Every structure is written in C-alpha cells, then in structure tokens.
Amino acid sequence: MKKALAYLLAASMTFGLVACGGNSGGAASTTSGGEASTAAAEASTAAEEATEADTSAAEATETEAPEETVEATVTIWHTYTDAQHEYLKKSIEEFNASHPGANVVEESQEYDGFTDKVYQAVMAGNGPDIIIHYASEAARYVADDKVLDLEQYLAPETVALMADGTRAEATSFSDGKMHILPIVSSGPILFYNKAIYEELGLSAPETWDDLQANCEAVKEAYPEKFGFAMDSVTDVCQTWIMQTGITIFDDEGCYFNTPEVAERLQYFQDNINNDLFTITKVGNYFSEDFNSERIVSYIGSAAGAPYLEIEFGMGKVPQGGAVNWTPAWNRGIIIFDYEDENRAKVAAAFTDYFASAEVNAGWCEACNYPATFEATMATQTYKDFVANNESFSYLHPEYAGAFPAVTRQAYVRNALQMLMEDVAGGKDINTSLEDAIQYVEDEMEAE
C-alpha cells in the first residue's frame, strides 16, 4: 500500500509541475520550462527514494519480526541411558532456551513393555507427544489418526533432508502420509572371532554357503562351539525371504509361502540340527556369548562393536539369493496427535531443531549410529565420529531396505519370529509357513 501510494504521489507531483510550466493563460508563470523540468525530475527522484525507503523499512520489519510465540508443554518418552540420555537432555535444554513459550520435557521409561505402555497412554489421551522409534511403531496409530502428518508441520528444509529411500519408508503408510522422520540408521553386519578364523584359514563369508562351510570348519576344530548365531532371528528370516526376490507382504496379504523360502528355512533347520547354528543365548545378548567364545560368529547391529571384548573381524551380511538385500534399521521421530495445535507446533519445532546438521551429528555419535541425512554427514563432527567406526563400512547402503510401514508389518515380524523358532525346534517347514501366514491373517481380522 505504501509503495502504491508513493508512486501515485510522484506521478501527481510531476504532472502538476509540468502543467504549471506549460500554462499560457491567466497569471504569468513564475517558473521557466527548464526549471519546471528540473524540479519535476528532482521531485520524482525524491518520491522514488521515499518509496525505496518505505519498502526497505517494510522488508526490515518483516525480517526482524519475532517468530510467533507458541506456548505448550511437550513430553518425550524414551528408554535411553548414559550418553544418549545426557545428549537428549542437553538438546532439550538448548531448544527450550532458544524458544520462548516452549517447554519440552523428557521422561525415562522402562525398556520392557515400552511400546505397549505408549500405545495405551496415547489411545487414552495422556501419552507422550514424541517417541523415537521405528516406522512399524507409527503404523500402529495410523488407522486411528493418532499420529501427525509431519509434512504439514515440519519446516520444508527439514522434509527435504530425506534421501529417496528414507522418504519412501517415511511415507509408506497405508494413508501415504509422512508419519516419521528417520534421524539415525543402522543395520546388521557379521562379527567373527578373528583368532579362530585366522587359525583355520577362514575369511568373512560372502554367501550363506560360505557361512555354512566356515561353521563346519569351526565345528571340526572346536566341537563345543557354535559357528554362527543371530541377534534377531526375525531380521535374518526377513533377509532370506527378501533375497528370494518376492514381495513378502502388502496391505492385502502375505506371499512368503514359496518353495524358495522353504528351501532357505530347510538350510536353517539343517544347520541348527547339526549344531552349526544356534538361536539360544546364555547371556542377555549374543555379544556376551561371543566374548566368552561360546559362538564364533554372529550377525548383530553395526552399533554393537564397542561391546565386544575379544579381537574380532567384520564382514557384510551374506548374500546368495535372486537379489541382494539387507535390512535397514531407521529410527525416527514420531509425533502423536492430540488435536492440540500448540503442542503439535512445539513438537514439530523441536523435531526441526533435533534434525539440524550439527545437533543430529551429535545424536548419531551419542547413539553410535550412522546418519540418514547428507547434511549431517557433511559436518566435521560427523566425519570425526565415523573415522573411528570401522563397522559402518560393512553395512550395505546400496541395497539396504525396509518393510512397508503398514499395519500388517508388526504382525508379519511377529510371525517371522515364531516361524524361525518353530523351524529351529524341528517343526515341519511347510506347516510352519502356513501357520505363520494364518497368524497374520487372524490378527488382521481381529483389528
């Protein structure tokens, strides 16, 4: 409005002066034509300068205007301890200090039963605003509209941080909306006892047949030891299925009862029966059994390397199917929807902050997890961190993948765990596959 008014003023001043200079009737003009032109030009210039000044002032006002103050208390529930907990608390303090009106608080919870406790509290309307978890957990809330569509609340530059693969998982929910922002990623790698492998002339297996051959050599030399174990039977089963090249499931059904999958499960059962593989822990984690040398190799998280106490080597997850595939474990921020706009805005603002490059780099270091954002990877903080984490180089980012984040996913994961336990226990493989799929269908029907 000011700009338009200034232009009109300049035009009227110029027109008036020129008209006076050209007047041939009435009283004699006191200004010559040349002087009138000069005066008109000077007036026009002054008006333009005034316009520019007004525009600059308006732009400065827009730039310097404080952000909208949104007042709300937002709660983060988590199970973090030690360095992770300390970094989360530090980040919250810094965010609150720089965002007047925002009051983000964190509450530690017991690990056992955490997700069920969150679910019950959210459905009752008194749960946390934020958790950091997997897309499969967010999927549990989509049908009831209990999770925010983050694309509607996060800053565009935050949404743009995601690579294509990460975004595919973040929007793979049944409604196609974005219900998670993955902020760290990890995956499985193979750890092996370096001394025993060197003694027996073995190397990190590239295929599942290589792994079996290594285990046979270990059993011959050390009959009391197991050659191989797996921290997550679910993820190994998922890997075998996905390497056959099939679509394991979608929103309509499950499709993993195939001859190729049955063949891989037979491989698993045979190696369990021959005491080459084990799924039974003595400690709480297979890292403990590895440290005691009860097992000679196992597949576990790349982030688990700091917990190993004996000399170890590392390798990538074996391949050998129709396609190459390995799991990607992306953990991200999930924001619950309580139909409170202020809480949603503050939760989203904290997410924007926590996903920023330097803050996210610190979180990756605290969690000992690789980053998902290229902007984070470009920071010196992150470069220094990964320089001391050789395990990350054994991940398979070129063909790592994740399940679609639909409701069926949680039931499929449960079914795969039961399937592996049944097969390891000697149950008929075809019957086990049928039972696994029937379990998923029964659970979906009971939804």
Protein backbone atom coordinates (compact mmCIF):
# COMPACT_ATOMS: atom_id res chain seq x y z
CA MET A 1 0.00 0.00 0.00
CA LYS A 2 2.82 2.44 0.91
CA LYS A 3 4.60 1.65 -2.34
CA ALA A 4 1.49 2.25 -4.47
CA LEU A 5 0.75 5.48 -2.61
CA ALA A 6 4.28 6.78 -3.17
CA TYR A 7 4.10 6.14 -6.91
CA LEU A 8 0.77 7.96 -7.13
CA LEU A 9 2.25 10.90 -5.21
CA ALA A 10 5.26 11.08 -7.52
CA ALA A 11 3.05 10.98 -10.59
CA SER A 12 0.73 13.73 -9.32
CA MET A 13 3.65 15.98 -8.34
CA THR A 14 5.29 15.60 -11.74
CA PHE A 15 2.04 16.13 -13.63
CA GLY A 16 1.25 19.29 -11.64
CA LEU A 17 4.64 20.84 -12.17
CA VAL A 18 4.66 20.15 -15.88
CA ALA A 19 1.13 21.54 -16.24
CA CYS A 20 2.11 24.74 -14.50
CA GLY A 21 5.15 25.10 -16.70
CA GLY A 22 3.00 24.79 -19.83
CA ASN A 23 0.29 27.19 -18.67
CA SER A 24 -0.29 30.02 -21.27
CA GLY A 25 -3.30 31.67 -19.74
CA GLY A 26 -4.14 33.57 -16.59
CA ALA A 27 -1.34 34.85 -14.38
CA ALA A 28 2.14 34.67 -15.75
CA SER A 29 4.18 31.63 -14.68
CA THR A 30 6.94 32.27 -12.18
CA THR A 31 8.91 29.15 -13.29
CA SER A 32 10.54 28.63 -16.64
CA GLY A 33 10.01 25.40 -18.56
CA GLY A 34 13.60 24.24 -17.94
CA GLU A 35 13.33 24.97 -14.24
CA ALA A 36 9.99 23.16 -14.11
CA SER A 37 11.50 20.08 -15.74
CA THR A 38 14.38 20.09 -13.29
CA ALA A 39 12.03 20.49 -10.36
CA ALA A 40 9.82 17.69 -11.67
CA ALA A 41 12.80 15.38 -12.01
CA GLU A 42 14.00 16.23 -8.53
CA ALA A 43 10.51 15.63 -7.13
CA SER A 44 10.25 12.31 -8.93
CA THR A 45 13.66 11.23 -7.63
CA ALA A 46 12.72 12.25 -4.10
CA ALA A 47 9.47 10.29 -4.36
CA GLU A 48 11.30 7.19 -5.63
CA GLU A 49 13.82 7.48 -2.80
CA ALA A 50 10.96 7.76 -0.33
CA THR A 51 9.36 4.70 -1.90
CA GLU A 52 12.59 2.71 -1.63
CA ALA A 53 13.00 3.81 1.97
CA ASP A 54 9.45 2.75 2.82
CA THR A 55 9.97 -0.59 1.05
CA SER A 56 13.28 -1.20 2.82
CA ALA A 57 11.69 -0.36 6.15
CA ALA A 58 8.81 -2.73 5.47
CA GLU A 59 11.20 -5.52 4.46
CA ALA A 60 13.36 -4.89 7.50
CA THR A 61 10.28 -5.05 9.68
CA GLU A 62 9.33 -8.40 8.12
CA THR A 63 12.86 -9.77 8.56
CA GLU A 64 13.25 -8.60 12.12
CA ALA A 65 9.76 -9.53 13.26
CA PRO A 66 9.97 -12.12 16.02
CA GLU A 67 8.70 -15.60 15.36
CA GLU A 68 5.26 -16.46 16.63
CA THR A 69 5.46 -17.41 20.29
CA VAL A 70 3.72 -20.71 20.81
CA GLU A 71 3.25 -21.85 24.38
CA ALA A 72 2.94 -25.55 25.10
CA THR A 73 4.48 -28.36 27.12
CA VAL A 74 5.65 -31.30 25.04
CA THR A 75 6.77 -34.60 26.53
CA ILE A 76 9.27 -37.07 25.10
CA TRP A 77 9.15 -40.64 26.39
CA HIS A 78 12.26 -42.77 25.88
CA THR A 79 14.36 -45.65 27.20
CA TYR A 80 17.78 -44.05 26.64
CA THR A 81 20.58 -44.27 29.18
CA ASP A 82 24.13 -42.98 29.60
CA ALA A 83 25.48 -40.83 26.73
CA GLN A 84 22.22 -40.94 24.79
CA HIS A 85 20.18 -39.72 27.75
CA GLU A 86 22.67 -36.96 28.56
CA TYR A 87 22.71 -35.70 24.98
CA LEU A 88 18.92 -35.71 24.78
CA LYS A 89 18.68 -33.67 27.99
CA LYS A 90 21.29 -31.21 26.73
CA SER A 91 19.46 -30.78 23.41
CA ILE A 92 16.15 -30.17 25.17
CA GLU A 93 17.70 -27.52 27.41
CA GLU A 94 19.20 -25.70 24.43
CA PHE A 95 15.94 -25.86 22.49
CA ASN A 96 13.86 -24.54 25.39
CA ALA A 97 16.32 -21.68 25.95
CA SER A 98 16.01 -20.54 22.33
CA HIS A 99 12.22 -20.98 22.01
CA PRO A 100 10.24 -18.79 24.41
CA GLY A 101 7.00 -20.42 25.45
CA ALA A 102 8.16 -23.93 24.56
CA ASN A 103 8.61 -26.39 27.39
CA VAL A 104 9.92 -29.73 26.15
CA VAL A 105 10.49 -32.32 28.88
CA GLU A 106 11.80 -35.87 28.78
CA GLU A 107 10.68 -38.86 30.80
CA SER A 108 12.66 -42.09 31.08
CA GLN A 109 10.66 -45.30 30.83
CA GLU A 110 11.40 -48.97 31.37
CA TYR A 111 12.53 -50.76 28.23
CA ASP A 112 10.35 -53.82 28.82
CA GLY A 113 6.80 -53.10 27.72
CA PHE A 114 7.66 -49.61 26.48
CA THR A 115 5.71 -49.68 23.22
CA ASP A 116 2.61 -51.17 24.84
CA LYS A 117 2.69 -48.53 27.57
CA VAL A 118 2.97 -45.79 24.94
CA TYR A 119 0.10 -47.25 22.93
CA GLN A 120 -2.25 -47.45 25.89
CA ALA A 121 -1.40 -43.93 27.04
CA VAL A 122 -1.78 -42.38 23.59
CA MET A 123 -5.12 -44.06 23.00
CA ALA A 124 -6.27 -42.81 26.42
CA GLY A 125 -5.20 -39.26 25.51
CA ASN A 126 -2.49 -38.90 28.16
CA GLY A 127 0.60 -40.25 26.45
CA PRO A 128 3.80 -38.62 25.22
CA ASP A 129 3.98 -36.16 22.35
CA ILE A 130 7.16 -37.67 20.90
CA ILE A 131 8.93 -41.01 20.79
CA ILE A 132 11.94 -42.04 18.72
CA HIS A 133 11.22 -45.43 17.20
CA TYR A 134 10.70 -47.40 14.00
CA ALA A 135 8.15 -46.78 11.25
CA SER A 136 6.43 -50.04 12.19
CA GLU A 137 5.52 -48.46 15.52
CA ALA A 138 4.00 -45.39 13.90
CA ALA A 139 1.93 -47.69 11.69
CA ARG A 140 0.00 -48.91 14.74
CA TYR A 141 -1.61 -45.47 15.14
CA VAL A 142 -2.43 -44.51 11.55
CA ALA A 143 -5.90 -46.03 11.34
CA ASP A 144 -6.98 -44.10 14.46
CA ASP A 145 -5.47 -40.80 13.26
CA LYS A 146 -3.24 -40.60 16.32
CA VAL A 147 -0.02 -39.57 14.54
CA LEU A 148 0.71 -36.26 12.85
CA ASP A 149 1.30 -35.90 9.15
CA LEU A 150 4.77 -34.42 9.65
CA GLU A 151 4.90 -32.90 6.20
CA GLN A 152 2.19 -30.47 7.31
CA TYR A 153 4.16 -29.31 10.37
CA LEU A 154 7.89 -29.63 9.77
CA ALA A 155 9.87 -26.92 8.01
CA PRO A 156 10.24 -27.67 4.27
CA GLU A 157 14.03 -27.74 4.63
CA THR A 158 13.70 -30.50 7.25
CA VAL A 159 11.49 -32.62 4.98
CA ALA A 160 13.99 -32.05 2.16
CA LEU A 161 16.77 -33.64 4.23
CA MET A 162 15.49 -37.13 3.44
CA ALA A 163 17.03 -39.15 0.63
CA ASP A 164 14.67 -41.00 -1.71
CA GLY A 165 14.96 -44.33 0.11
CA THR A 166 14.41 -42.79 3.52
CA ARG A 167 11.43 -40.82 2.27
CA ALA A 168 9.96 -43.97 0.72
CA GLU A 169 9.84 -45.61 4.15
CA ALA A 170 8.65 -42.42 5.87
CA THR A 171 5.63 -42.27 3.55
CA SER A 172 4.96 -45.99 3.10
CA PHE A 173 2.00 -45.96 5.49
CA SER A 174 -1.44 -47.05 4.38
CA ASP A 175 -2.61 -43.44 4.02
CA GLY A 176 0.52 -42.37 2.10
CA LYS A 177 1.31 -39.60 4.59
CA MET A 178 4.57 -38.88 6.39
CA HIS A 179 4.37 -40.13 9.97
CA ILE A 180 8.05 -40.46 10.87
CA LEU A 181 11.26 -38.52 10.31
CA PRO A 182 14.15 -41.04 10.32
CA ILE A 183 17.10 -39.37 12.07
CA VAL A 184 19.55 -42.27 12.51
CA SER A 185 20.05 -45.55 10.73
CA SER A 186 21.84 -48.77 11.40
CA GLY A 187 21.81 -52.30 10.18
CA PRO A 188 23.28 -55.74 10.75
CA ILE A 189 26.82 -56.87 10.00
CA LEU A 190 28.69 -60.09 10.70
CA PHE A 191 31.21 -60.28 13.55
CA TYR A 192 33.68 -63.16 13.75
CA ASN A 193 36.38 -64.36 16.14
CA LYS A 194 39.49 -63.15 14.37
CA ALA A 195 41.92 -65.51 16.09
CA ILE A 196 39.92 -68.65 15.28
CA TYR A 197 39.21 -67.57 11.71
CA GLU A 198 42.91 -66.88 11.11
CA GLU A 199 43.91 -70.15 12.74
CA LEU A 200 41.57 -72.08 10.44
CA GLY A 201 42.36 -70.02 7.33
CA LEU A 202 38.81 -68.66 7.07
CA SER A 203 37.62 -65.30 5.78
CA ALA A 204 34.40 -63.34 6.15
CA PRO A 205 31.68 -65.23 4.25
CA GLU A 206 30.22 -63.56 1.20
CA THR A 207 27.38 -66.05 0.72
CA TRP A 208 25.27 -68.24 3.00
CA ASP A 209 27.01 -71.31 1.61
CA ASP A 210 30.35 -69.73 2.60
CA LEU A 211 28.98 -69.23 6.12
CA GLN A 212 27.97 -72.89 6.40
CA ALA A 213 31.41 -74.02 5.20
CA ASN A 214 33.06 -71.80 7.84
CA CYS A 215 30.82 -73.25 10.55
CA GLU A 216 31.70 -76.80 9.50
CA ALA A 217 35.41 -75.98 9.80
CA VAL A 218 34.84 -74.46 13.25
CA LYS A 219 32.83 -77.48 14.45
CA GLU A 220 35.56 -79.87 13.33
CA ALA A 221 38.24 -77.93 15.21
CA TYR A 222 36.11 -76.89 18.20
CA PRO A 223 33.20 -79.34 18.71
CA GLU A 224 31.94 -77.45 21.78
CA LYS A 225 31.49 -74.15 19.93
CA PHE A 226 28.72 -72.93 17.65
CA GLY A 227 29.83 -71.44 14.36
CA PHE A 228 27.03 -68.88 13.99
CA ALA A 229 24.22 -67.11 15.83
CA MET A 230 21.94 -64.16 15.13
CA ASP A 231 20.79 -61.37 17.42
CA SER A 232 17.48 -61.10 15.56
CA VAL A 233 16.02 -64.25 14.02
CA THR A 234 13.28 -62.03 12.61
CA ASP A 235 15.67 -59.89 10.60
CA VAL A 236 17.66 -62.85 9.31
CA CYS A 237 14.43 -64.56 8.21
CA GLN A 238 13.31 -61.32 6.57
CA THR A 239 16.67 -61.13 4.79
CA TRP A 240 16.36 -64.67 3.43
CA ILE A 241 12.84 -64.02 2.20
CA MET A 242 13.65 -60.70 0.56
CA GLN A 243 16.73 -62.19 -1.13
CA THR A 244 14.42 -64.60 -2.98
CA GLY A 245 13.06 -61.56 -4.79
CA ILE A 246 9.41 -61.85 -3.80
CA THR A 247 7.06 -59.25 -2.36
CA ILE A 248 6.87 -60.51 1.18
CA PHE A 249 3.56 -58.78 2.02
CA ASP A 250 1.48 -55.70 1.37
CA ASP A 251 -1.77 -54.24 2.68
CA GLU A 252 -3.72 -57.04 1.01
CA GLY A 253 -1.93 -60.18 2.17
CA CYS A 254 1.25 -62.24 2.74
CA TYR A 255 3.14 -64.02 -0.02
CA PHE A 256 6.18 -65.68 1.58
CA ASN A 257 4.96 -69.29 1.47
CA THR A 258 7.06 -70.23 -1.56
CA PRO A 259 9.41 -73.11 -2.44
CA GLU A 260 12.38 -70.71 -2.41
CA VAL A 261 11.63 -69.58 1.14
CA ALA A 262 11.04 -73.17 2.24
CA GLU A 263 14.46 -74.09 0.83
CA ARG A 264 16.17 -71.39 2.88
CA LEU A 265 14.33 -72.48 6.01
CA GLN A 266 15.47 -76.06 5.38
CA TYR A 267 19.04 -74.74 5.25
CA PHE A 268 18.43 -73.09 8.63
CA GLN A 269 16.91 -76.19 10.20
CA ASP A 270 19.71 -78.45 8.97
CA ASN A 271 22.37 -76.17 10.42
CA ILE A 272 20.53 -75.99 13.74
CA ASN A 273 20.25 -79.82 13.84
CA ASN A 274 23.97 -80.17 13.10
CA ASP A 275 24.87 -77.74 15.93
CA LEU A 276 26.46 -75.33 13.47
CA PHE A 277 23.94 -72.56 14.21
CA THR A 278 22.23 -71.64 17.48
CA ILE A 279 19.44 -69.26 18.46
CA THR A 280 19.81 -69.93 22.20
CA LYS A 281 21.67 -67.34 24.29
CA VAL A 282 23.45 -67.93 27.57
CA GLY A 283 23.87 -64.20 28.23
CA ASN A 284 21.37 -61.42 27.52
CA TYR A 285 22.90 -60.76 24.11
CA PHE A 286 24.93 -62.81 21.70
CA SER A 287 27.75 -60.29 22.16
CA GLU A 288 28.21 -61.83 25.62
CA ASP A 289 28.32 -65.35 24.17
CA PHE A 290 30.77 -64.08 21.58
CA ASN A 291 33.01 -62.55 24.26
CA SER A 292 33.02 -65.87 26.13
CA GLU A 293 33.85 -67.63 22.81
CA ARG A 294 30.81 -69.90 23.02
CA ILE A 295 29.95 -68.73 19.49
CA VAL A 296 32.48 -67.90 16.79
CA SER A 297 30.42 -65.55 14.62
CA TYR A 298 27.10 -63.78 14.74
CA ILE A 299 25.02 -61.18 12.93
CA GLY A 300 24.20 -58.13 15.03
CA SER A 301 23.92 -54.38 14.85
CA ALA A 302 26.89 -52.45 13.49
CA ALA A 303 26.47 -50.24 16.55
CA GLY A 304 27.37 -53.19 18.78
CA ALA A 305 31.10 -53.21 18.02
CA PRO A 306 32.07 -51.25 21.19
CA TYR A 307 30.62 -54.03 23.34
CA LEU A 308 32.97 -56.72 22.04
CA GLU A 309 35.89 -57.59 24.30
CA ILE A 310 37.90 -60.04 22.21
CA GLU A 311 39.70 -59.42 18.95
CA PHE A 312 37.18 -59.59 16.15
CA GLY A 313 36.83 -59.21 12.42
CA MET A 314 33.84 -57.94 10.49
CA GLY A 315 32.02 -58.74 7.29
CA LYS A 316 28.86 -57.79 5.45
CA VAL A 317 25.61 -59.73 5.71
CA PRO A 318 25.98 -62.74 3.38
CA GLN A 319 24.07 -62.75 0.12
CA GLY A 320 23.28 -65.56 -2.29
CA GLY A 321 19.66 -65.20 -3.33
CA ALA A 322 17.99 -63.98 -6.50
CA VAL A 323 18.59 -60.38 -5.40
CA ASN A 324 20.93 -58.66 -2.96
CA TRP A 325 19.19 -57.32 0.14
CA THR A 326 19.86 -56.50 3.78
CA PRO A 327 17.77 -54.71 6.44
CA ALA A 328 17.98 -51.00 7.17
CA TRP A 329 17.04 -50.05 10.71
CA ASN A 330 15.89 -46.45 10.56
CA ARG A 331 14.83 -44.88 13.84
CA GLY A 332 12.97 -41.61 13.71
CA ILE A 333 10.80 -39.08 15.46
CA ILE A 334 7.08 -39.86 15.72
CA ILE A 335 4.70 -37.14 16.93
CA PHE A 336 1.32 -38.12 18.32
CA ASP A 337 -1.81 -36.12 17.52
CA TYR A 338 -3.93 -34.93 20.46
CA GLU A 339 -5.77 -32.30 18.36
CA ASP A 340 -3.84 -29.57 20.19
CA GLU A 341 -2.31 -27.23 17.61
CA ASN A 342 0.17 -25.61 20.01
CA ARG A 343 1.53 -28.95 21.20
CA ALA A 344 1.87 -30.10 17.61
CA LYS A 345 3.74 -26.92 16.61
CA VAL A 346 6.18 -27.10 19.53
CA ALA A 347 6.80 -30.82 18.92
CA ALA A 348 7.46 -30.08 15.24
CA ALA A 349 9.79 -27.18 16.12
CA PHE A 350 11.81 -29.48 18.38
CA THR A 351 11.97 -32.03 15.56
CA ASP A 352 13.28 -29.37 13.17
CA TYR A 353 15.94 -28.47 15.72
CA PHE A 354 16.91 -32.05 16.53
CA ALA A 355 17.25 -32.87 12.82
CA SER A 356 19.55 -29.91 12.12
CA ALA A 357 23.00 -30.97 10.92
CA GLU A 358 25.17 -30.30 13.97
CA VAL A 359 22.59 -31.42 16.52
CA ASN A 360 21.87 -34.58 14.53
CA ALA A 361 25.60 -35.30 14.20
CA GLY A 362 25.92 -35.19 17.98
CA TRP A 363 22.96 -37.53 18.34
CA CYS A 364 24.49 -40.02 15.89
CA GLU A 365 27.67 -40.01 17.96
CA ALA A 366 25.77 -40.42 21.25
CA CYS A 367 23.81 -43.38 19.80
CA ASN A 368 26.77 -44.80 17.84
CA TYR A 369 24.52 -44.89 14.75
CA PRO A 370 25.12 -43.78 11.16
CA ALA A 371 23.31 -40.69 9.89
CA THR A 372 20.48 -40.66 7.38
CA PHE A 373 20.94 -37.04 6.19
CA GLU A 374 23.66 -35.91 3.79
CA ALA A 375 23.77 -32.54 5.57
CA THR A 376 24.73 -34.33 8.78
CA MET A 377 27.34 -36.44 7.00
CA ALA A 378 28.98 -33.25 5.71
CA THR A 379 29.67 -31.86 9.19
CA GLN A 380 33.13 -32.18 10.69
CA THR A 381 31.58 -33.54 13.87
CA TYR A 382 30.14 -36.50 11.97
CA LYS A 383 33.29 -37.05 9.89
CA ASP A 384 35.39 -37.26 13.05
CA PHE A 385 32.86 -39.67 14.56
CA VAL A 386 32.73 -42.15 11.67
CA ALA A 387 36.52 -42.10 11.29
CA ASN A 388 36.60 -44.18 14.47
CA ASN A 389 33.75 -46.52 13.49
CA GLU A 390 35.04 -49.04 11.00
CA SER A 391 31.92 -51.17 11.49
CA PHE A 392 29.82 -48.71 9.48
CA SER A 393 31.80 -49.55 6.34
CA TYR A 394 30.40 -53.10 6.45
CA LEU A 395 26.79 -52.01 6.02
CA HIS A 396 25.09 -52.46 2.65
CA PRO A 397 23.61 -48.99 1.90
CA GLU A 398 23.45 -49.75 -1.81
CA TYR A 399 20.72 -52.34 -1.33
CA ALA A 400 19.52 -51.91 2.25
CA GLY A 401 15.76 -51.82 2.54
CA ALA A 402 12.85 -51.83 4.97
CA PHE A 403 9.38 -53.29 5.19
CA PRO A 404 6.47 -51.08 4.11
CA ALA A 405 5.11 -49.31 7.21
CA VAL A 406 1.59 -50.69 7.14
CA THR A 407 -0.38 -52.25 9.97
CA ARG A 408 0.37 -55.75 8.71
CA GLN A 409 4.10 -55.19 9.24
CA ALA A 410 4.03 -55.65 13.03
CA TYR A 411 2.15 -58.94 12.67
CA VAL A 412 4.49 -60.16 9.94
CA ARG A 413 7.51 -59.53 12.15
CA ASN A 414 5.88 -61.48 14.97
CA ALA A 415 5.04 -64.26 12.53
CA LEU A 416 8.62 -64.48 11.25
CA GLN A 417 9.98 -64.81 14.76
CA MET A 418 7.54 -67.64 15.51
CA LEU A 419 8.37 -69.22 12.16
CA MET A 420 12.10 -69.32 12.91
CA GLU A 421 11.54 -70.65 16.42
CA ASP A 422 9.22 -73.37 15.12
CA VAL A 423 11.65 -74.42 12.39
CA ALA A 424 14.59 -74.40 14.84
CA GLY A 425 12.50 -76.59 17.14
CA GLY A 426 12.07 -79.19 14.40
CA LYS A 427 8.55 -78.38 13.21
CA ASP A 428 7.63 -79.23 9.62
CA ILE A 429 8.64 -76.31 7.42
CA ASN A 430 5.57 -76.18 5.18
CA THR A 431 3.28 -76.36 8.20
CA SER A 432 5.28 -73.63 9.91
CA LEU A 433 4.91 -71.36 6.87
CA GLU A 434 1.17 -71.95 6.71
CA ASP A 435 0.82 -71.24 10.42
CA ALA A 436 2.82 -68.02 10.14
CA ILE A 437 0.62 -66.63 7.40
CA GLN A 438 -2.54 -67.74 9.19
CA TYR A 439 -1.37 -65.90 12.31
CA VAL A 440 -1.05 -62.65 10.35
CA GLU A 441 -4.45 -63.02 8.75
CA ASP A 442 -6.09 -63.79 12.10
CA GLU A 443 -4.52 -60.75 13.70
CA MET A 444 -5.58 -58.52 10.82
CA GLU A 445 -9.13 -59.82 11.01
CA ALA A 446 -9.23 -59.06 14.75
CA GLU A 447 -8.18 -55.43 14.16
